[in-house]
Amino acid sequence: MFDTSCLGPSAPPVIRPPEKEIIDCLVEDRPVGTAEPVRWSQYVPDGLLADVLAQPADTAAKHHELEALERVGGWERVIAWAKPGRHGR
């Protein structure tokens, strides 16, 4: 189909290790201290959300109740997303 006889052998690509600055910015360090509560009920339901919700909460004591309610809302969305028949089957 294509005439490749005029093409010579190609050199293998050169793979260089990334520079230190690039490696540092790709690594996520966990924030120090407690985080504000997340609005889990607003996230798109999928398997990744279920994995995140299964992790322990890391919020301040004053936000514990809001975090728990938001996690319930997030789990409700994941359950509704995972129910059989949601795809019209």
Protein backbone atom coordinates (compact mmCIF):
# COMPACT_ATOMS: atom_id res chain seq x y z
CA MET A 1 0.00 0.00 0.00
CA PHE A 2 2.78 2.46 0.91
CA ASP A 3 6.29 2.37 -0.54
CA THR A 4 8.60 2.27 2.47
CA SER A 5 11.73 1.30 0.52
CA CYS A 6 13.01 4.89 0.58
CA LEU A 7 12.85 5.03 4.36
CA GLY A 8 16.00 4.09 6.20
CA PRO A 9 16.14 2.47 9.61
CA SER A 10 14.99 4.85 12.31
CA ALA A 11 17.08 5.49 15.38
CA PRO A 12 15.59 4.37 18.69
CA PRO A 13 14.19 7.22 20.78
CA VAL A 14 16.43 8.64 23.47
CA ILE A 15 14.81 8.35 26.87
CA ARG A 16 16.20 10.68 29.49
CA PRO A 17 15.24 10.66 33.16
CA PRO A 18 13.09 13.64 34.12
CA GLU A 19 14.69 16.59 35.80
CA LYS A 20 14.44 16.79 39.58
CA GLU A 21 12.04 19.75 39.48
CA ILE A 22 9.58 17.75 37.39
CA ILE A 23 9.69 14.80 39.76
CA ASP A 24 9.13 17.07 42.76
CA CYS A 25 6.04 18.66 41.28
CA LEU A 26 4.52 15.30 40.33
CA VAL A 27 4.70 13.90 43.84
CA GLU A 28 1.78 14.93 45.99
CA ASP A 29 2.56 15.47 49.63
CA ARG A 30 -0.28 15.01 52.04
CA PRO A 31 -1.29 18.37 53.49
CA VAL A 32 -0.29 19.05 57.07
CA GLY A 33 -3.15 19.23 59.56
CA THR A 34 -6.80 18.52 58.99
CA ALA A 35 -8.67 19.39 55.84
CA GLU A 36 -11.98 21.12 55.37
CA PRO A 37 -14.96 18.83 54.64
CA VAL A 38 -15.48 17.88 51.01
CA ARG A 39 -18.86 18.09 49.27
CA TRP A 40 -18.89 14.39 48.31
CA SER A 41 -22.57 14.53 47.33
CA GLN A 42 -21.64 16.79 44.39
CA TYR A 43 -19.06 14.43 42.84
CA VAL A 44 -19.83 12.24 39.84
CA PRO A 45 -20.58 8.74 41.13
CA ASP A 46 -18.17 6.04 39.97
CA GLY A 47 -15.80 3.42 41.32
CA LEU A 48 -13.14 5.99 42.13
CA LEU A 49 -15.54 7.91 44.35
CA ALA A 50 -16.35 4.66 46.19
CA ASP A 51 -12.63 4.06 46.76
CA VAL A 52 -12.14 7.57 48.12
CA LEU A 53 -15.20 7.35 50.37
CA ALA A 54 -13.90 4.08 51.81
CA GLN A 55 -10.85 5.92 53.18
CA PRO A 56 -11.04 7.38 56.70
CA ALA A 57 -12.05 11.03 57.00
CA ASP A 58 -9.32 13.51 57.86
CA THR A 59 -11.29 16.56 58.97
CA ALA A 60 -11.28 18.75 62.04
CA ALA A 61 -13.57 17.73 64.89
CA LYS A 62 -15.82 20.73 64.25
CA HIS A 63 -16.49 19.46 60.69
CA HIS A 64 -17.00 15.80 61.63
CA GLU A 65 -20.82 15.86 61.35
CA LEU A 66 -20.82 17.68 58.01
CA GLU A 67 -18.21 15.27 56.65
CA ALA A 68 -20.31 12.28 57.77
CA LEU A 69 -23.44 13.68 56.11
CA GLU A 70 -21.56 14.43 52.90
CA ARG A 71 -20.14 10.89 52.86
CA VAL A 72 -23.67 9.49 53.20
CA GLY A 73 -24.72 11.62 50.23
CA GLY A 74 -21.72 10.42 48.25
CA TRP A 75 -22.45 6.77 49.06
CA GLU A 76 -26.09 7.22 48.04
CA ARG A 77 -24.96 8.49 44.65
CA VAL A 78 -22.51 5.59 44.24
CA ILE A 79 -25.20 3.05 45.20
CA ALA A 80 -27.71 4.55 42.75
CA TRP A 81 -25.02 4.54 40.04
CA ALA A 82 -24.13 0.88 40.70
CA LYS A 83 -27.69 -0.48 40.86
CA PRO A 84 -28.60 -3.03 38.20
CA GLY A 85 -30.99 -1.72 35.61
CA ARG A 86 -29.65 1.80 35.49
CA HIS A 87 -28.34 1.13 31.96
CA GLY A 88 -31.75 0.10 30.64
CA ARG A 89 -31.05 -3.62 30.88
